[in-house]
Amino acid sequence: MAARPRESRGSWFRAEGDVGVIRRRDLDKALQPHEREALGSWHWEVWGRDEQLAPPGDWRVWLICAGRGFGKTRAGAEWVRADAPTEPSGGSVIDAEARTAIGEVVAVLRQFGLFV
């Protein structure tokens, strides 16, 4: 039996039709002004696409193999920002960045014959 894909907070927020309108209206009524401002300006789980959010589970490598404009750098940067404060060792953003490979990795892998 295949696992059911998780619904992110963003897909809940971006629901279309009457259901989406009602959800957003109810959320707007429940938020304080400072919460509303934060939601509209930076909350990555709401504004990032589902495929840009880090996968669930305990993993060591997260490879995003996508083209220009996908948002690879933003996805990685937002993961680092979200992960650093929860690092069990009390690690900093720099520690989290040291574990993260963001950028044009495929070109380098191809150069060394590791990706065809």
C-alpha atoms as a PDB file:
ATOM      1  CA  MET A   1       0.000   0.000   0.000  1.00  0.00           C
ATOM      2  CA  ALA A   2       1.483   3.330  -1.046  1.00  0.00           C
ATOM      3  CA  ALA A   3       1.923   6.019   1.563  1.00  0.00           C
ATOM      4  CA  ARG A   4      -0.491   8.898   1.309  1.00  0.00           C
ATOM      5  CA  PRO A   5       1.335  12.137   0.473  1.00  0.00           C
ATOM      6  CA  ARG A   6       1.316  14.599   3.330  1.00  0.00           C
ATOM      7  CA  GLU A   7      -0.675  17.789   3.008  1.00  0.00           C
ATOM      8  CA  SER A   8       1.516  20.740   3.868  1.00  0.00           C
ATOM      9  CA  ARG A   9       0.290  23.817   5.652  1.00  0.00           C
ATOM     10  CA  GLY A  10       0.798  25.655   2.380  1.00  0.00           C
ATOM     11  CA  SER A  11      -1.546  23.415   0.394  1.00  0.00           C
ATOM     12  CA  TRP A  12      -4.136  23.846   3.147  1.00  0.00           C
ATOM     13  CA  PHE A  13      -3.757  27.625   2.885  1.00  0.00           C
ATOM     14  CA  ARG A  14      -3.797  27.669  -0.936  1.00  0.00           C
ATOM     15  CA  ALA A  15      -6.923  25.495  -1.333  1.00  0.00           C
ATOM     16  CA  GLU A  16      -9.080  26.659  -4.222  1.00  0.00           C
ATOM     17  CA  GLY A  17     -12.772  27.414  -4.407  1.00  0.00           C
ATOM     18  CA  ASP A  18     -15.182  28.129  -1.566  1.00  0.00           C
ATOM     19  CA  VAL A  19     -13.296  25.844   0.833  1.00  0.00           C
ATOM     20  CA  GLY A  20     -10.109  27.881   0.427  1.00  0.00           C
ATOM     21  CA  VAL A  21     -11.919  31.206   0.770  1.00  0.00           C
ATOM     22  CA  ILE A  22     -13.606  30.066   3.995  1.00  0.00           C
ATOM     23  CA  ARG A  23     -10.341  28.704   5.434  1.00  0.00           C
ATOM     24  CA  ARG A  24      -8.447  31.928   4.725  1.00  0.00           C
ATOM     25  CA  ARG A  25     -11.287  34.112   6.062  1.00  0.00           C
ATOM     26  CA  ASP A  26     -11.470  32.074   9.301  1.00  0.00           C
ATOM     27  CA  LEU A  27      -7.700  32.214   9.683  1.00  0.00           C
ATOM     28  CA  ASP A  28      -7.689  35.971   9.112  1.00  0.00           C
ATOM     29  CA  LYS A  29     -10.252  36.442  11.902  1.00  0.00           C
ATOM     30  CA  ALA A  30      -8.241  34.281  14.320  1.00  0.00           C
ATOM     31  CA  LEU A  31      -4.851  35.987  13.800  1.00  0.00           C
ATOM     32  CA  GLN A  32      -3.470  38.906  15.750  1.00  0.00           C
ATOM     33  CA  PRO A  33      -2.106  41.800  13.616  1.00  0.00           C
ATOM     34  CA  HIS A  34       1.546  40.807  14.165  1.00  0.00           C
ATOM     35  CA  GLU A  35       0.751  37.182  13.249  1.00  0.00           C
ATOM     36  CA  ARG A  36      -1.021  38.284  10.072  1.00  0.00           C
ATOM     37  CA  GLU A  37       1.990  40.403   9.106  1.00  0.00           C
ATOM     38  CA  ALA A  38       4.403  37.496   9.675  1.00  0.00           C
ATOM     39  CA  LEU A  39       2.233  35.109   7.667  1.00  0.00           C
ATOM     40  CA  GLY A  40       2.129  37.488   4.732  1.00  0.00           C
ATOM     41  CA  SER A  41       5.828  38.242   4.670  1.00  0.00           C
ATOM     42  CA  TRP A  42       7.915  35.166   5.390  1.00  0.00           C
ATOM     43  CA  HIS A  43       6.150  31.982   6.465  1.00  0.00           C
ATOM     44  CA  TRP A  44       7.822  29.488   4.116  1.00  0.00           C
ATOM     45  CA  GLU A  45       5.512  26.529   4.810  1.00  0.00           C
ATOM     46  CA  VAL A  46       2.655  28.650   3.484  1.00  0.00           C
ATOM     47  CA  TRP A  47       4.307  30.266   0.481  1.00  0.00           C
ATOM     48  CA  GLY A  48       6.711  27.510  -0.612  1.00  0.00           C
ATOM     49  CA  ARG A  49       5.364  24.862  -2.964  1.00  0.00           C
ATOM     50  CA  ASP A  50       4.962  21.380  -1.473  1.00  0.00           C
ATOM     51  CA  GLU A  51       7.869  20.027  -3.542  1.00  0.00           C
ATOM     52  CA  GLN A  52      10.120  22.757  -2.085  1.00  0.00           C
ATOM     53  CA  LEU A  53       9.485  21.694   1.523  1.00  0.00           C
ATOM     54  CA  ALA A  54      11.902  19.310   3.208  1.00  0.00           C
ATOM     55  CA  PRO A  55      10.713  15.699   3.203  1.00  0.00           C
ATOM     56  CA  PRO A  56       9.530  14.186   6.487  1.00  0.00           C
ATOM     57  CA  GLY A  57      11.544  11.603   8.333  1.00  0.00           C
ATOM     58  CA  ASP A  58      15.104  11.017   9.432  1.00  0.00           C
ATOM     59  CA  TRP A  59      17.356  11.510   6.406  1.00  0.00           C
ATOM     60  CA  ARG A  60      20.933  12.566   5.711  1.00  0.00           C
ATOM     61  CA  VAL A  61      20.727  13.764   2.104  1.00  0.00           C
ATOM     62  CA  TRP A  62      18.027  15.811   0.405  1.00  0.00           C
ATOM     63  CA  LEU A  63      18.701  16.134  -3.315  1.00  0.00           C
ATOM     64  CA  ILE A  64      16.691  18.627  -5.316  1.00  0.00           C
ATOM     65  CA  CYS A  65      17.367  17.900  -8.973  1.00  0.00           C
ATOM     66  CA  ALA A  66      15.458  20.633 -10.780  1.00  0.00           C
ATOM     67  CA  GLY A  67      15.900  23.323 -13.394  1.00  0.00           C
ATOM     68  CA  ARG A  68      16.420  27.045 -13.258  1.00  0.00           C
ATOM     69  CA  GLY A  69      13.761  28.954 -11.398  1.00  0.00           C
ATOM     70  CA  PHE A  70      12.558  26.018  -9.293  1.00  0.00           C
ATOM     71  CA  GLY A  71      13.680  27.637  -6.051  1.00  0.00           C
ATOM     72  CA  LYS A  72      16.443  25.222  -5.016  1.00  0.00           C
ATOM     73  CA  THR A  73      18.485  27.866  -3.233  1.00  0.00           C
ATOM     74  CA  ARG A  74      15.450  29.305  -1.448  1.00  0.00           C
ATOM     75  CA  ALA A  75      14.255  25.828  -0.423  1.00  0.00           C
ATOM     76  CA  GLY A  76      17.669  24.981   1.017  1.00  0.00           C
ATOM     77  CA  ALA A  77      18.061  28.339   2.726  1.00  0.00           C
ATOM     78  CA  GLU A  78      14.631  28.072   4.318  1.00  0.00           C
ATOM     79  CA  TRP A  79      15.406  24.543   5.500  1.00  0.00           C
ATOM     80  CA  VAL A  80      18.650  25.781   7.076  1.00  0.00           C
ATOM     81  CA  ARG A  81      16.794  28.661   8.736  1.00  0.00           C
ATOM     82  CA  ALA A  82      14.134  26.328  10.120  1.00  0.00           C
ATOM     83  CA  ASP A  83      16.572  23.553  11.128  1.00  0.00           C
ATOM     84  CA  ALA A  84      19.293  25.561  12.864  1.00  0.00           C
ATOM     85  CA  PRO A  85      17.329  26.513  16.005  1.00  0.00           C
ATOM     86  CA  THR A  86      16.241  22.890  16.530  1.00  0.00           C
ATOM     87  CA  GLU A  87      19.703  21.369  16.135  1.00  0.00           C
ATOM     88  CA  PRO A  88      20.162  19.098  19.204  1.00  0.00           C
ATOM     89  CA  SER A  89      23.792  20.123  19.610  1.00  0.00           C
ATOM     90  CA  GLY A  90      22.740  23.774  19.770  1.00  0.00           C
ATOM     91  CA  GLY A  91      24.345  24.327  16.373  1.00  0.00           C
ATOM     92  CA  SER A  92      24.198  27.617  14.562  1.00  0.00           C
ATOM     93  CA  VAL A  93      23.071  28.491  11.056  1.00  0.00           C
ATOM     94  CA  ILE A  94      26.708  28.131   9.962  1.00  0.00           C
ATOM     95  CA  ASP A  95      26.751  24.550  11.299  1.00  0.00           C
ATOM     96  CA  ALA A  96      23.558  23.768   9.394  1.00  0.00           C
ATOM     97  CA  GLU A  97      24.933  25.343   6.210  1.00  0.00           C
ATOM     98  CA  ALA A  98      28.035  23.173   6.498  1.00  0.00           C
ATOM     99  CA  ARG A  99      25.771  20.114   6.173  1.00  0.00           C
ATOM    100  CA  THR A 100      23.822  21.528   3.254  1.00  0.00           C
ATOM    101  CA  ALA A 101      24.795  21.446  -0.402  1.00  0.00           C
ATOM    102  CA  ILE A 102      22.904  24.093  -2.363  1.00  0.00           C
ATOM    103  CA  GLY A 103      23.516  25.114  -5.932  1.00  0.00           C
ATOM    104  CA  GLU A 104      24.584  23.685  -9.221  1.00  0.00           C
ATOM    105  CA  VAL A 105      25.510  20.240  -7.911  1.00  0.00           C
ATOM    106  CA  VAL A 106      24.464  18.306 -11.009  1.00  0.00           C
ATOM    107  CA  ALA A 107      27.076  20.074 -13.159  1.00  0.00           C
ATOM    108  CA  VAL A 108      29.822  19.062 -10.737  1.00  0.00           C
ATOM    109  CA  LEU A 109      28.563  15.485 -10.557  1.00  0.00           C
ATOM    110  CA  ARG A 110      28.515  15.294 -14.351  1.00  0.00           C
ATOM    111  CA  GLN A 111      32.061  16.694 -14.509  1.00  0.00           C
ATOM    112  CA  PHE A 112      33.303  13.774 -12.426  1.00  0.00           C
ATOM    113  CA  GLY A 113      31.111  11.210 -14.202  1.00  0.00           C
ATOM    114  CA  LEU A 114      28.907  10.594 -11.165  1.00  0.00           C
ATOM    115  CA  PHE A 115      25.692  11.773 -12.830  1.00  0.00           C
ATOM    116  CA  VAL A 116      24.745  10.901 -16.392  1.00  0.00           C
END
